[in-house]
């Protein structure tokens, strides 16, 4: 779970801020296409952790984080499909908030270490 949490933290704290710095939605799209497979891998890993977790608490943590990763991934997919530059900032910020809320609720005593 620690590795998956670190990857979700990377998504929220490294990738999304990098995308927010891009001056055009086309550059956001390019950056997202490069990183999307890594996010899908995290989602898949959390799905596996959910099904193999030893207890209900662990199941709930994996599910919460997986759902946040999935929702944020879907939000970015929608953004790049729409091509709307005006909505890029708010959509990216909302995705980061979703991930941060899940990270806080699944790791209340610590902040996951971000892996570059």
Protein backbone atom coordinates (compact mmCIF):
# COMPACT_ATOMS: atom_id res chain seq x y z
CA UNK A 1 0.00 0.00 0.00
CA UNK A 2 2.91 2.35 0.70
CA UNK A 3 4.15 2.20 -2.91
CA UNK A 4 0.68 2.84 -4.30
CA UNK A 5 0.22 5.76 -1.90
CA UNK A 6 3.54 7.20 -3.03
CA UNK A 7 2.45 6.93 -6.66
CA UNK A 8 -0.86 8.64 -5.91
CA UNK A 9 1.08 11.38 -4.11
CA UNK A 10 3.30 11.74 -7.20
CA UNK A 11 0.17 12.15 -9.33
CA UNK A 12 -1.18 14.89 -7.04
CA UNK A 13 2.04 16.66 -6.08
CA UNK A 14 4.33 16.30 -9.08
CA UNK A 15 2.43 15.47 -12.25
CA UNK A 16 -0.58 17.75 -11.78
CA UNK A 17 1.53 20.79 -10.81
CA UNK A 18 3.71 20.16 -13.87
CA UNK A 19 0.61 20.03 -16.05
CA UNK A 20 -0.72 23.22 -14.44
CA UNK A 21 2.43 25.04 -15.55
CA UNK A 22 1.85 24.26 -19.21
CA UNK A 23 0.75 27.29 -21.24
CA UNK A 24 -1.56 25.40 -23.57
CA UNK A 25 -4.04 22.57 -23.37
CA UNK A 26 -2.08 20.86 -26.13
CA UNK A 27 0.97 20.73 -23.86
CA UNK A 28 -1.20 19.46 -21.00
CA UNK A 29 -2.45 16.78 -23.36
CA UNK A 30 1.08 15.78 -24.33
CA UNK A 31 2.21 15.58 -20.72
CA UNK A 32 -0.85 13.56 -19.75
CA UNK A 33 -0.31 11.09 -22.59
CA UNK A 34 3.27 10.52 -21.42
CA UNK A 35 2.24 9.92 -17.78
CA UNK A 36 -1.17 8.26 -18.17
CA UNK A 37 0.15 4.67 -18.24
CA UNK A 38 1.87 5.22 -14.90
CA UNK A 39 -1.43 6.41 -13.40
CA UNK A 40 -3.29 3.43 -14.86
CA UNK A 41 -0.69 1.13 -13.30
CA UNK A 42 -1.35 2.73 -9.89
CA UNK A 43 -5.10 2.27 -10.35
CA UNK A 44 -4.59 -1.39 -11.27
CA UNK A 45 -2.28 -1.93 -8.32
CA UNK A 46 -4.84 -0.47 -5.93
CA UNK A 47 -7.54 -2.69 -7.40
CA UNK A 48 -5.33 -5.69 -6.70
CA UNK A 49 -4.57 -4.48 -3.18
CA UNK A 50 -8.27 -4.06 -2.51
CA UNK A 51 -8.97 -7.68 -3.44
CA UNK A 52 -6.06 -9.07 -1.40
CA UNK A 53 -6.14 -6.79 1.64
CA UNK A 54 -6.05 -8.66 4.95
CA UNK A 55 -8.82 -6.69 6.65
CA UNK A 56 -11.71 -4.31 6.13
CA UNK A 57 -9.63 -1.27 7.07
CA UNK A 58 -7.05 -2.10 4.42
CA UNK A 59 -9.78 -2.84 1.88
CA UNK A 60 -11.37 0.55 2.55
CA UNK A 61 -8.03 2.36 2.26
CA UNK A 62 -7.20 0.72 -1.06
CA UNK A 63 -10.69 1.36 -2.42
CA UNK A 64 -10.72 5.01 -1.34
CA UNK A 65 -7.36 5.69 -2.91
CA UNK A 66 -8.20 3.70 -6.04
CA UNK A 67 -11.46 5.59 -6.48
CA UNK A 68 -9.64 8.93 -6.15
CA UNK A 69 -6.97 7.91 -8.65
CA UNK A 70 -9.67 6.70 -11.06
CA UNK A 71 -11.77 9.86 -10.68
CA UNK A 72 -8.74 12.09 -11.21
CA UNK A 73 -7.59 10.05 -14.20
CA UNK A 74 -11.06 10.27 -15.71
CA UNK A 75 -11.12 14.04 -15.07
CA UNK A 76 -7.84 14.48 -16.95
CA UNK A 77 -9.03 12.22 -19.76
CA UNK A 78 -12.12 14.42 -20.10
CA UNK A 79 -10.00 17.55 -20.09
CA UNK A 80 -7.74 16.40 -22.89
CA UNK A 81 -10.71 15.13 -24.92
CA UNK A 82 -12.52 18.46 -24.61
CA UNK A 83 -9.46 20.53 -25.46
CA UNK A 84 -10.91 23.41 -23.43
CA UNK A 85 -8.09 25.64 -22.25
CA UNK A 86 -10.40 27.67 -20.00
CA UNK A 87 -11.28 24.62 -17.90
CA UNK A 88 -7.74 23.19 -17.63
CA UNK A 89 -6.79 25.01 -14.44
CA UNK A 90 -9.96 24.25 -12.49
CA UNK A 91 -10.04 20.62 -13.67
CA UNK A 92 -6.42 20.01 -12.70
CA UNK A 93 -6.94 21.68 -9.32
CA UNK A 94 -10.04 19.56 -8.67
CA UNK A 95 -8.14 16.38 -9.56
CA UNK A 96 -5.36 17.31 -7.12
CA UNK A 97 -7.89 18.05 -4.35
CA UNK A 98 -9.56 14.68 -4.89
CA UNK A 99 -6.24 12.88 -4.60
CA UNK A 100 -5.07 14.89 -1.58
CA UNK A 101 -8.34 14.20 0.27
CA UNK A 102 -7.96 10.47 -0.35
CA UNK A 103 -4.30 10.51 0.66
CA UNK A 104 -5.16 12.33 3.89
CA UNK A 105 -7.93 9.89 4.75
CA UNK A 106 -5.89 6.77 3.96
CA UNK A 107 -2.65 7.94 5.61
CA UNK A 108 -3.77 10.21 8.44
CA UNK A 109 -0.51 9.94 10.38
CA UNK A 110 1.92 10.49 7.55
CA UNK A 111 2.39 12.06 4.17
CA UNK A 112 3.50 9.57 1.50
CA UNK A 113 6.94 10.11 0.04
CA UNK A 114 6.74 11.23 -3.56
CA UNK A 115 8.71 9.18 -6.07
CA UNK A 116 9.97 11.14 -9.11
